[in-house]
Amino acid sequence: MRALEKVRVAALEDLTPLIGTKVLVDGKEIGLFLTEDGNIYAVNNVCPHKQGPLSEGTVSEHSVFCPLHDQQIDLETGIVQEPDTGCVETYEVEVIDGDVYLCL
């Protein structure tokens, strides 16, 4: 089994609760989200419906709403909430010494 690669993507102090941040890793856009309860989530930054930039969406609890069509996406699972369908890829996140890493 291959070990996960950890890639530093941000400093924790640079993240703002409820405001998404777009990062690029190996040419892929990933949205980082710091929730009000202090959890950090990372998902593919492209909405599956109309390819809206999720990092520009509204964050509420553990969901982000696509800025184009208001689809609600669960940040933990990447699943689009009913009645809409679809999903986005999610990524494991670790905070080490104040830096945010994606586990790829």
PDB file of N, CA and C in Angstrom:
ATOM      1  N   MET A   1       0.843  -1.180   0.000  1.00  0.00           N
ATOM      2  CA  MET A   1       0.000   0.000   0.000  1.00  0.00           C
ATOM      3  C   MET A   1       0.888   1.243   0.000  1.00  0.00           C
ATOM      4  N   ARG A   2       0.577   2.183  -0.867  1.00  0.00           N
ATOM      5  CA  ARG A   2       1.369   3.395  -1.010  1.00  0.00           C
ATOM      6  C   ARG A   2       1.066   4.387   0.114  1.00  0.00           C
ATOM      7  N   ALA A   3       2.100   4.999   0.657  1.00  0.00           N
ATOM      8  CA  ALA A   3       1.922   5.990   1.714  1.00  0.00           C
ATOM      9  C   ALA A   3       1.338   7.266   1.113  1.00  0.00           C
ATOM     10  N   LEU A   4       0.534   7.950   1.916  1.00  0.00           N
ATOM     11  CA  LEU A   4      -0.046   9.209   1.470  1.00  0.00           C
ATOM     12  C   LEU A   4       1.028  10.287   1.443  1.00  0.00           C
ATOM     13  N   GLU A   5       0.978  11.097   0.406  1.00  0.00           N
ATOM     14  CA  GLU A   5       1.878  12.240   0.304  1.00  0.00           C
ATOM     15  C   GLU A   5       1.193  13.428   0.961  1.00  0.00           C
ATOM     16  N   LYS A   6       1.926  14.146   1.802  1.00  0.00           N
ATOM     17  CA  LYS A   6       1.379  15.339   2.452  1.00  0.00           C
ATOM     18  C   LYS A   6       1.939  16.566   1.752  1.00  0.00           C
ATOM     19  N   VAL A   7       1.026  17.427   1.317  1.00  0.00           N
ATOM     20  CA  VAL A   7       1.406  18.635   0.597  1.00  0.00           C
ATOM     21  C   VAL A   7       0.921  19.840   1.383  1.00  0.00           C
ATOM     22  N   ARG A   8       1.866  20.735   1.742  1.00  0.00           N
ATOM     23  CA  ARG A   8       1.486  21.960   2.462  1.00  0.00           C
ATOM     24  C   ARG A   8       0.743  22.877   1.506  1.00  0.00           C
ATOM     25  N   VAL A   9      -0.448  23.346   1.933  1.00  0.00           N
ATOM     26  CA  VAL A   9      -1.264  24.185   1.057  1.00  0.00           C
ATOM     27  C   VAL A   9      -1.586  25.555   1.642  1.00  0.00           C
ATOM     28  N   ALA A  10      -1.404  25.732   2.957  1.00  0.00           N
ATOM     29  CA  ALA A  10      -1.736  27.018   3.573  1.00  0.00           C
ATOM     30  C   ALA A  10      -1.230  27.052   5.004  1.00  0.00           C
ATOM     31  N   ALA A  11      -1.164  28.265   5.535  1.00  0.00           N
ATOM     32  CA  ALA A  11      -0.943  28.440   6.968  1.00  0.00           C
ATOM     33  C   ALA A  11      -2.316  28.535   7.617  1.00  0.00           C
ATOM     34  N   LEU A  12      -2.503  27.889   8.742  1.00  0.00           N
ATOM     35  CA  LEU A  12      -3.791  27.907   9.431  1.00  0.00           C
ATOM     36  C   LEU A  12      -4.252  29.339   9.682  1.00  0.00           C
ATOM     37  N   GLU A  13      -3.324  30.207  10.031  1.00  0.00           N
ATOM     38  CA  GLU A  13      -3.688  31.601  10.340  1.00  0.00           C
ATOM     39  C   GLU A  13      -4.209  32.357   9.119  1.00  0.00           C
ATOM     40  N   ASP A  14      -3.962  31.848   7.928  1.00  0.00           N
ATOM     41  CA  ASP A  14      -4.436  32.509   6.704  1.00  0.00           C
ATOM     42  C   ASP A  14      -5.865  32.117   6.323  1.00  0.00           C
ATOM     43  N   LEU A  15      -6.421  31.104   6.993  1.00  0.00           N
ATOM     44  CA  LEU A  15      -7.793  30.684   6.706  1.00  0.00           C
ATOM     45  C   LEU A  15      -8.771  31.473   7.566  1.00  0.00           C
ATOM     46  N   THR A  16      -9.881  31.872   6.964  1.00  0.00           N
ATOM     47  CA  THR A  16     -10.921  32.624   7.662  1.00  0.00           C
ATOM     48  C   THR A  16     -12.154  31.737   7.782  1.00  0.00           C
ATOM     49  N   PRO A  17     -12.721  31.621   8.994  1.00  0.00           N
ATOM     50  CA  PRO A  17     -13.914  30.789   9.137  1.00  0.00           C
ATOM     51  C   PRO A  17     -15.019  31.220   8.164  1.00  0.00           C
ATOM     52  N   LEU A  18     -15.632  30.224   7.534  1.00  0.00           N
ATOM     53  CA  LEU A  18     -16.766  30.383   6.626  1.00  0.00           C
ATOM     54  C   LEU A  18     -16.426  31.040   5.293  1.00  0.00           C
ATOM     55  N   ILE A  19     -15.136  31.244   5.006  1.00  0.00           N
ATOM     56  CA  ILE A  19     -14.692  31.807   3.731  1.00  0.00           C
ATOM     57  C   ILE A  19     -13.784  30.763   3.066  1.00  0.00           C
ATOM     58  N   GLY A  20     -14.165  30.325   1.880  1.00  0.00           N
ATOM     59  CA  GLY A  20     -13.371  29.325   1.168  1.00  0.00           C
ATOM     60  C   GLY A  20     -12.083  29.909   0.625  1.00  0.00           C
ATOM     61  N   THR A  21     -11.099  29.053   0.451  1.00  0.00           N
ATOM     62  CA  THR A  21      -9.805  29.421  -0.124  1.00  0.00           C
ATOM     63  C   THR A  21      -9.484  28.433  -1.239  1.00  0.00           C
ATOM     64  N   LYS A  22      -9.119  28.956  -2.394  1.00  0.00           N
ATOM     65  CA  LYS A  22      -8.750  28.082  -3.517  1.00  0.00           C
ATOM     66  C   LYS A  22      -7.244  27.862  -3.493  1.00  0.00           C
ATOM     67  N   VAL A  23      -6.824  26.593  -3.610  1.00  0.00           N
ATOM     68  CA  VAL A  23      -5.405  26.259  -3.722  1.00  0.00           C
ATOM     69  C   VAL A  23      -5.238  25.361  -4.947  1.00  0.00           C
ATOM     70  N   LEU A  24      -4.043  25.375  -5.519  1.00  0.00           N
ATOM     71  CA  LEU A  24      -3.722  24.512  -6.650  1.00  0.00           C
ATOM     72  C   LEU A  24      -2.711  23.466  -6.214  1.00  0.00           C
ATOM     73  N   VAL A  25      -3.002  22.211  -6.479  1.00  0.00           N
ATOM     74  CA  VAL A  25      -2.088  21.110  -6.181  1.00  0.00           C
ATOM     75  C   VAL A  25      -1.996  20.249  -7.431  1.00  0.00           C
ATOM     76  N   ASP A  26      -0.806  20.162  -7.996  1.00  0.00           N
ATOM     77  CA  ASP A  26      -0.592  19.386  -9.222  1.00  0.00           C
ATOM     78  C   ASP A  26      -1.592  19.765 -10.316  1.00  0.00           C
ATOM     79  N   GLY A  27      -1.868  21.052 -10.454  1.00  0.00           N
ATOM     80  CA  GLY A  27      -2.759  21.539 -11.491  1.00  0.00           C
ATOM     81  C   GLY A  27      -4.241  21.372 -11.195  1.00  0.00           C
ATOM     82  N   LYS A  28      -4.576  20.861 -10.013  1.00  0.00           N
ATOM     83  CA  LYS A  28      -5.973  20.636  -9.646  1.00  0.00           C
ATOM     84  C   LYS A  28      -6.412  21.701  -8.638  1.00  0.00           C
ATOM     85  N   GLU A  29      -7.593  22.310  -8.894  1.00  0.00           N
ATOM     86  CA  GLU A  29      -8.143  23.291  -7.966  1.00  0.00           C
ATOM     87  C   GLU A  29      -8.826  22.578  -6.810  1.00  0.00           C
ATOM     88  N   ILE A  30      -8.454  22.981  -5.604  1.00  0.00           N
ATOM     89  CA  ILE A  30      -9.038  22.407  -4.399  1.00  0.00           C
ATOM     90  C   ILE A  30      -9.518  23.554  -3.526  1.00  0.00           C
ATOM     91  N   GLY A  31     -10.727  23.416  -2.990  1.00  0.00           N
ATOM     92  CA  GLY A  31     -11.276  24.409  -2.078  1.00  0.00           C
ATOM     93  C   GLY A  31     -11.019  23.985  -0.641  1.00  0.00           C
ATOM     94  N   LEU A  32     -10.460  24.906   0.150  1.00  0.00           N
ATOM     95  CA  LEU A  32     -10.244  24.688   1.589  1.00  0.00           C
ATOM     96  C   LEU A  32     -11.290  25.480   2.353  1.00  0.00           C
ATOM     97  N   PHE A  33     -11.843  24.873   3.394  1.00  0.00           N
ATOM     98  CA  PHE A  33     -12.891  25.525   4.166  1.00  0.00           C
ATOM     99  C   PHE A  33     -12.649  25.320   5.659  1.00  0.00           C
ATOM    100  N   LEU A  34     -12.621  26.416   6.400  1.00  0.00           N
ATOM    101  CA  LEU A  34     -12.526  26.390   7.855  1.00  0.00           C
ATOM    102  C   LEU A  34     -13.919  26.698   8.390  1.00  0.00           C
ATOM    103  N   THR A  35     -14.499  25.750   9.118  1.00  0.00           N
ATOM    104  CA  THR A  35     -15.852  25.946   9.643  1.00  0.00           C
ATOM    105  C   THR A  35     -15.797  26.659  10.989  1.00  0.00           C
ATOM    106  N   GLU A  36     -16.954  27.114  11.445  1.00  0.00           N
ATOM    107  CA  GLU A  36     -17.017  27.852  12.711  1.00  0.00           C
ATOM    108  C   GLU A  36     -16.553  27.021  13.896  1.00  0.00           C
ATOM    109  N   ASP A  37     -16.703  25.690  13.799  1.00  0.00           N
ATOM    110  CA  ASP A  37     -16.289  24.834  14.919  1.00  0.00           C
ATOM    111  C   ASP A  37     -14.812  24.438  14.834  1.00  0.00           C
ATOM    112  N   GLY A  38     -14.074  25.019  13.861  1.00  0.00           N
ATOM    113  CA  GLY A  38     -12.635  24.803  13.781  1.00  0.00           C
ATOM    114  C   GLY A  38     -12.192  23.652  12.904  1.00  0.00           C
ATOM    115  N   ASN A  39     -13.124  22.950  12.272  1.00  0.00           N
ATOM    116  CA  ASN A  39     -12.755  21.863  11.360  1.00  0.00           C
ATOM    117  C   ASN A  39     -12.329  22.432  10.016  1.00  0.00           C
ATOM    118  N   ILE A  40     -11.402  21.744   9.366  1.00  0.00           N
ATOM    119  CA  ILE A  40     -10.939  22.146   8.034  1.00  0.00           C
ATOM    120  C   ILE A  40     -11.276  21.028   7.065  1.00  0.00           C
ATOM    121  N   TYR A  41     -11.866  21.415   5.942  1.00  0.00           N
ATOM    122  CA  TYR A  41     -12.244  20.460   4.909  1.00  0.00           C
ATOM    123  C   TYR A  41     -11.615  20.875   3.585  1.00  0.00           C
ATOM    124  N   ALA A  42     -11.365  19.886   2.742  1.00  0.00           N
ATOM    125  CA  ALA A  42     -10.828  20.133   1.403  1.00  0.00           C
ATOM    126  C   ALA A  42     -11.625  19.298   0.416  1.00  0.00           C
ATOM    127  N   VAL A  43     -12.092  19.957  -0.648  1.00  0.00           N
ATOM    128  CA  VAL A  43     -12.863  19.271  -1.687  1.00  0.00           C
ATOM    129  C   VAL A  43     -12.410  19.772  -3.050  1.00  0.00           C
ATOM    130  N   ASN A  44     -12.690  18.973  -4.085  1.00  0.00           N
ATOM    131  CA  ASN A  44     -12.469  19.446  -5.447  1.00  0.00           C
ATOM    132  C   ASN A  44     -13.256  20.749  -5.585  1.00  0.00           C
ATOM    133  N   ASN A  45     -12.621  21.783  -6.109  1.00  0.00           N
ATOM    134  CA  ASN A  45     -13.205  23.126  -6.115  1.00  0.00           C
ATOM    135  C   ASN A  45     -14.269  23.329  -7.192  1.00  0.00           C
ATOM    136  N   VAL A  46     -14.593  22.303  -7.963  1.00  0.00           N
ATOM    137  CA  VAL A  46     -15.505  22.461  -9.092  1.00  0.00           C
ATOM    138  C   VAL A  46     -16.827  21.743  -8.819  1.00  0.00           C
ATOM    139  N   CYS A  47     -17.916  22.515  -8.817  1.00  0.00           N
ATOM    140  CA  CYS A  47     -19.246  21.947  -8.610  1.00  0.00           C
ATOM    141  C   CYS A  47     -19.568  20.990  -9.764  1.00  0.00           C
ATOM    142  N   PRO A  48     -20.169  19.819  -9.472  1.00  0.00           N
ATOM    143  CA  PRO A  48     -20.450  18.851 -10.533  1.00  0.00           C
ATOM    144  C   PRO A  48     -21.583  19.288 -11.467  1.00  0.00           C
ATOM    145  N   HIS A  49     -22.342  20.300 -11.113  1.00  0.00           N
ATOM    146  CA  HIS A  49     -23.487  20.695 -11.929  1.00  0.00           C
ATOM    147  C   HIS A  49     -23.091  21.630 -13.064  1.00  0.00           C
ATOM    148  N   LYS A  50     -22.589  22.809 -12.739  1.00  0.00           N
ATOM    149  CA  LYS A  50     -22.217  23.796 -13.768  1.00  0.00           C
ATOM    150  C   LYS A  50     -20.771  24.264 -13.591  1.00  0.00           C
ATOM    151  N   GLN A  51     -19.966  23.481 -12.882  1.00  0.00           N
ATOM    152  CA  GLN A  51     -18.542  23.739 -12.682  1.00  0.00           C
ATOM    153  C   GLN A  51     -18.272  25.063 -11.951  1.00  0.00           C
ATOM    154  N   GLY A  52     -19.178  25.451 -11.073  1.00  0.00           N
ATOM    155  CA  GLY A  52     -18.983  26.659 -10.273  1.00  0.00           C
ATOM    156  C   GLY A  52     -17.815  26.495  -9.314  1.00  0.00           C
ATOM    157  N   PRO A  53     -17.125  27.604  -8.984  1.00  0.00           N
ATOM    158  CA  PRO A  53     -15.998  27.558  -8.052  1.00  0.00           C
ATOM    159  C   PRO A  53     -16.489  27.498  -6.605  1.00  0.00           C
ATOM    160  N   LEU A  54     -16.435  26.323  -6.008  1.00  0.00           N
ATOM    161  CA  LEU A  54     -16.994  26.133  -4.668  1.00  0.00           C
ATOM    162  C   LEU A  54     -16.341  27.025  -3.616  1.00  0.00           C
ATOM    163  N   SER A  55     -15.053  27.363  -3.800  1.00  0.00           N
ATOM    164  CA  SER A  55     -14.375  28.203  -2.810  1.00  0.00           C
ATOM    165  C   SER A  55     -14.995  29.601  -2.726  1.00  0.00           C
ATOM    166  N   GLU A  56     -15.815  29.965  -3.720  1.00  0.00           N
ATOM    167  CA  GLU A  56     -16.505  31.257  -3.704  1.00  0.00           C
ATOM    168  C   GLU A  56     -17.930  31.139  -3.173  1.00  0.00           C
ATOM    169  N   GLY A  57     -18.313  29.929  -2.758  1.00  0.00           N
ATOM    170  CA  GLY A  57     -19.669  29.686  -2.263  1.00  0.00           C
ATOM    171  C   GLY A  57     -19.830  30.074  -0.800  1.00  0.00           C
ATOM    172  N   THR A  58     -21.072  29.995  -0.358  1.00  0.00           N
ATOM    173  CA  THR A  58     -21.422  30.294   1.027  1.00  0.00           C
ATOM    174  C   THR A  58     -21.252  29.033   1.869  1.00  0.00           C
ATOM    175  N   VAL A  59     -20.582  29.180   3.014  1.00  0.00           N
ATOM    176  CA  VAL A  59     -20.364  28.051   3.921  1.00  0.00           C
ATOM    177  C   VAL A  59     -21.340  28.165   5.085  1.00  0.00           C
ATOM    178  N   SER A  60     -21.997  27.058   5.402  1.00  0.00           N
ATOM    179  CA  SER A  60     -22.909  26.988   6.534  1.00  0.00           C
ATOM    180  C   SER A  60     -22.708  25.648   7.217  1.00  0.00           C
ATOM    181  N   GLU A  61     -22.337  25.688   8.481  1.00  0.00           N
ATOM    182  CA  GLU A  61     -22.019  24.484   9.244  1.00  0.00           C
ATOM    183  C   GLU A  61     -20.997  23.651   8.485  1.00  0.00           C
ATOM    184  N   HIS A  62     -21.351  22.434   8.026  1.00  0.00           N
ATOM    185  CA  HIS A  62     -20.396  21.580   7.318  1.00  0.00           C
ATOM    186  C   HIS A  62     -20.783  21.418   5.848  1.00  0.00           C
ATOM    187  N   SER A  63     -21.360  22.468   5.264  1.00  0.00           N
ATOM    188  CA  SER A  63     -21.759  22.451   3.859  1.00  0.00           C
ATOM    189  C   SER A  63     -21.276  23.715   3.168  1.00  0.00           C
ATOM    190  N   VAL A  64     -21.125  23.601   1.839  1.00  0.00           N
ATOM    191  CA  VAL A  64     -20.862  24.771   1.002  1.00  0.00           C
ATOM    192  C   VAL A  64     -21.955  24.800  -0.055  1.00  0.00           C
ATOM    193  N   PHE A  65     -22.405  26.004  -0.393  1.00  0.00           N
ATOM    194  CA  PHE A  65     -23.428  26.196  -1.413  1.00  0.00           C
ATOM    195  C   PHE A  65     -22.764  26.762  -2.657  1.00  0.00           C
ATOM    196  N   CYS A  66     -22.936  26.082  -3.780  1.00  0.00           N
ATOM    197  CA  CYS A  66     -22.339  26.530  -5.040  1.00  0.00           C
ATOM    198  C   CYS A  66     -22.787  27.958  -5.339  1.00  0.00           C
ATOM    199  N   PRO A  67     -21.844  28.840  -5.715  1.00  0.00           N
ATOM    200  CA  PRO A  67     -22.221  30.225  -5.989  1.00  0.00           C
ATOM    201  C   PRO A  67     -23.050  30.404  -7.266  1.00  0.00           C
ATOM    202  N   LEU A  68     -23.078  29.401  -8.137  1.00  0.00           N
ATOM    203  CA  LEU A  68     -23.827  29.536  -9.390  1.00  0.00           C
ATOM    204  C   LEU A  68     -25.289  29.104  -9.269  1.00  0.00           C
ATOM    205  N   HIS A  69     -25.532  27.952  -8.635  1.00  0.00           N
ATOM    206  CA  HIS A  69     -26.897  27.425  -8.599  1.00  0.00           C
ATOM    207  C   HIS A  69     -27.329  26.969  -7.211  1.00  0.00           C
ATOM    208  N   ASP A  70     -26.565  27.334  -6.187  1.00  0.00           N
ATOM    209  CA  ASP A  70     -26.958  27.104  -4.792  1.00  0.00           C
ATOM    210  C   ASP A  70     -27.087  25.627  -4.417  1.00  0.00           C
ATOM    211  N   GLN A  71     -26.426  24.728  -5.153  1.00  0.00           N
ATOM    212  CA  GLN A  71     -26.444  23.328  -4.738  1.00  0.00           C
ATOM    213  C   GLN A  71     -25.679  23.206  -3.423  1.00  0.00           C
ATOM    214  N   GLN A  72     -26.230  22.458  -2.490  1.00  0.00           N
ATOM    215  CA  GLN A  72     -25.603  22.254  -1.185  1.00  0.00           C
ATOM    216  C   GLN A  72     -24.745  20.996  -1.232  1.00  0.00           C
ATOM    217  N   ILE A  73     -23.458  21.152  -0.871  1.00  0.00           N
ATOM    218  CA  ILE A  73     -22.516  20.037  -0.900  1.00  0.00           C
ATOM    219  C   ILE A  73     -21.956  19.822   0.498  1.00  0.00           C
ATOM    220  N   ASP A  74     -22.054  18.594   0.970  1.00  0.00           N
ATOM    221  CA  ASP A  74     -21.544  18.226   2.287  1.00  0.00           C
ATOM    222  C   ASP A  74     -20.021  18.216   2.232  1.00  0.00           C
ATOM    223  N   LEU A  75     -19.373  19.019   3.081  1.00  0.00           N
ATOM    224  CA  LEU A  75     -17.917  19.120   3.059  1.00  0.00           C
ATOM    225  C   LEU A  75     -17.229  17.860   3.589  1.00  0.00           C
ATOM    226  N   GLU A  76     -17.923  17.082   4.395  1.00  0.00           N
ATOM    227  CA  GLU A  76     -17.332  15.859   4.945  1.00  0.00           C
ATOM    228  C   GLU A  76     -17.327  14.723   3.922  1.00  0.00           C
ATOM    229  N   THR A  77     -18.423  14.589   3.168  1.00  0.00           N
ATOM    230  CA  THR A  77     -18.570  13.458   2.258  1.00  0.00           C
ATOM    231  C   THR A  77     -18.430  13.834   0.781  1.00  0.00           C
ATOM    232  N   GLY A  78     -18.622  15.118   0.464  1.00  0.00           N
ATOM    233  CA  GLY A  78     -18.597  15.570  -0.925  1.00  0.00           C
ATOM    234  C   GLY A  78     -19.901  15.335  -1.663  1.00  0.00           C
ATOM    235  N   ILE A  79     -20.904  14.800  -0.985  1.00  0.00           N
ATOM    236  CA  ILE A  79     -22.179  14.462  -1.631  1.00  0.00           C
ATOM    237  C   ILE A  79     -23.068  15.703  -1.742  1.00  0.00           C
ATOM    238  N   VAL A  80     -23.629  15.886  -2.945  1.00  0.00           N
ATOM    239  CA  VAL A  80     -24.600  16.953  -3.181  1.00  0.00           C
ATOM    240  C   VAL A  80     -25.905  16.547  -2.497  1.00  0.00           C
ATOM    241  N   GLN A  81     -26.498  17.481  -1.757  1.00  0.00           N
ATOM    242  CA  GLN A  81     -27.706  17.176  -0.999  1.00  0.00           C
ATOM    243  C   GLN A  81     -28.940  17.148  -1.896  1.00  0.00           C
ATOM    244  N   GLU A  82     -29.863  16.273  -1.556  1.00  0.00           N
ATOM    245  CA  GLU A  82     -31.115  16.133  -2.301  1.00  0.00           C
ATOM    246  C   GLU A  82     -31.900  17.435  -2.270  1.00  0.00           C
ATOM    247  N   PRO A  83     -32.675  17.753  -3.293  1.00  0.00           N
ATOM    248  CA  PRO A  83     -33.082  16.889  -4.391  1.00  0.00           C
ATOM    249  C   PRO A  83     -32.049  16.814  -5.517  1.00  0.00           C
ATOM    250  N   ASP A  84     -30.941  17.583  -5.415  1.00  0.00           N
ATOM    251  CA  ASP A  84     -29.904  17.533  -6.441  1.00  0.00           C
ATOM    252  C   ASP A  84     -29.067  16.267  -6.260  1.00  0.00           C
ATOM    253  N   THR A  85     -28.261  15.949  -7.268  1.00  0.00           N
ATOM    254  CA  THR A  85     -27.441  14.744  -7.203  1.00  0.00           C
ATOM    255  C   THR A  85     -26.009  15.060  -7.623  1.00  0.00           C
ATOM    256  N   GLY A  86     -25.107  14.159  -7.308  1.00  0.00           N
ATOM    257  CA  GLY A  86     -23.706  14.296  -7.682  1.00  0.00           C
ATOM    258  C   GLY A  86     -22.813  14.289  -6.460  1.00  0.00           C
ATOM    259  N   CYS A  87     -21.518  14.416  -6.702  1.00  0.00           N
ATOM    260  CA  CYS A  87     -20.568  14.485  -5.596  1.00  0.00           C
ATOM    261  C   CYS A  87     -19.263  15.089  -6.100  1.00  0.00           C
ATOM    262  N   VAL A  88     -18.457  15.542  -5.158  1.00  0.00           N
ATOM    263  CA  VAL A  88     -17.125  16.034  -5.457  1.00  0.00           C
ATOM    264  C   VAL A  88     -16.129  15.236  -4.615  1.00  0.00           C
ATOM    265  N   GLU A  89     -14.907  15.158  -5.093  1.00  0.00           N
ATOM    266  CA  GLU A  89     -13.864  14.443  -4.367  1.00  0.00           C
ATOM    267  C   GLU A  89     -13.495  15.213  -3.105  1.00  0.00           C
ATOM    268  N   THR A  90     -13.274  14.487  -2.021  1.00  0.00           N
ATOM    269  CA  THR A  90     -12.831  15.092  -0.760  1.00  0.00           C
ATOM    270  C   THR A  90     -11.398  14.646  -0.482  1.00  0.00           C
ATOM    271  N   TYR A  91     -10.702  15.424   0.341  1.00  0.00           N
ATOM    272  CA  TYR A  91      -9.309  15.139   0.670  1.00  0.00           C
ATOM    273  C   TYR A  91      -9.118  15.223   2.179  1.00  0.00           C
ATOM    274  N   GLU A  92      -8.290  14.323   2.694  1.00  0.00           N
ATOM    275  CA  GLU A  92      -7.942  14.354   4.108  1.00  0.00           C
ATOM    276  C   GLU A  92      -7.030  15.551   4.365  1.00  0.00           C
ATOM    277  N   VAL A  93      -7.257  16.213   5.501  1.00  0.00           N
ATOM    278  CA  VAL A  93      -6.490  17.401   5.869  1.00  0.00           C
ATOM    279  C   VAL A  93      -5.828  17.159   7.226  1.00  0.00           C
ATOM    280  N   GLU A  94      -4.588  17.615   7.358  1.00  0.00           N
ATOM    281  CA  GLU A  94      -3.891  17.580   8.647  1.00  0.00           C
ATOM    282  C   GLU A  94      -3.307  18.958   8.921  1.00  0.00           C
ATOM    283  N   VAL A  95      -3.315  19.344  10.190  1.00  0.00           N
ATOM    284  CA  VAL A  95      -2.647  20.575  10.609  1.00  0.00           C
ATOM    285  C   VAL A  95      -1.429  20.167  11.428  1.00  0.00           C
ATOM    286  N   ILE A  96      -0.258  20.626  10.979  1.00  0.00           N
ATOM    287  CA  ILE A  96       0.995  20.305  11.657  1.00  0.00           C
ATOM    288  C   ILE A  96       1.740  21.612  11.901  1.00  0.00           C
ATOM    289  N   ASP A  97       1.976  21.929  13.151  1.00  0.00           N
ATOM    290  CA  ASP A  97       2.714  23.141  13.525  1.00  0.00           C
ATOM    291  C   ASP A  97       2.171  24.394  12.847  1.00  0.00           C
ATOM    292  N   GLY A  98       0.837  24.518  12.787  1.00  0.00           N
ATOM    293  CA  GLY A  98       0.219  25.711  12.231  1.00  0.00           C
ATOM    294  C   GLY A  98       0.122  25.753  10.718  1.00  0.00           C
ATOM    295  N   ASP A  99       0.559  24.669  10.050  1.00  0.00           N
ATOM    296  CA  ASP A  99       0.444  24.599   8.601  1.00  0.00           C
ATOM    297  C   ASP A  99      -0.610  23.552   8.222  1.00  0.00           C
ATOM    298  N   VAL A 100      -1.328  23.820   7.125  1.00  0.00           N
ATOM    299  CA  VAL A 100      -2.387  22.926   6.656  1.00  0.00           C
ATOM    300  C   VAL A 100      -1.817  22.080   5.504  1.00  0.00           C
ATOM    301  N   TYR A 101      -1.983  20.772   5.633  1.00  0.00           N
ATOM    302  CA  TYR A 101      -1.483  19.822   4.632  1.00  0.00           C
ATOM    303  C   TYR A 101      -2.658  19.015   4.082  1.00  0.00           C
ATOM    304  N   LEU A 102      -2.605  18.749   2.772  1.00  0.00           N
ATOM    305  CA  LEU A 102      -3.515  17.802   2.154  1.00  0.00           C
ATOM    306  C   LEU A 102      -2.791  16.471   2.074  1.00  0.00           C
ATOM    307  N   CYS A 103      -3.536  15.399   2.338  1.00  0.00           N
ATOM    308  CA  CYS A 103      -2.988  14.051   2.236  1.00  0.00           C
ATOM    309  C   CYS A 103      -3.465  13.469   0.921  1.00  0.00           C
ATOM    310  N   LEU A 104      -2.549  13.289  -0.008  1.00  0.00           N
ATOM    311  CA  LEU A 104      -2.904  12.819  -1.355  1.00  0.00           C
ATOM    312  C   LEU A 104      -2.445  11.384  -1.575  1.00  0.00           C
TER     313      LEU A 104
END
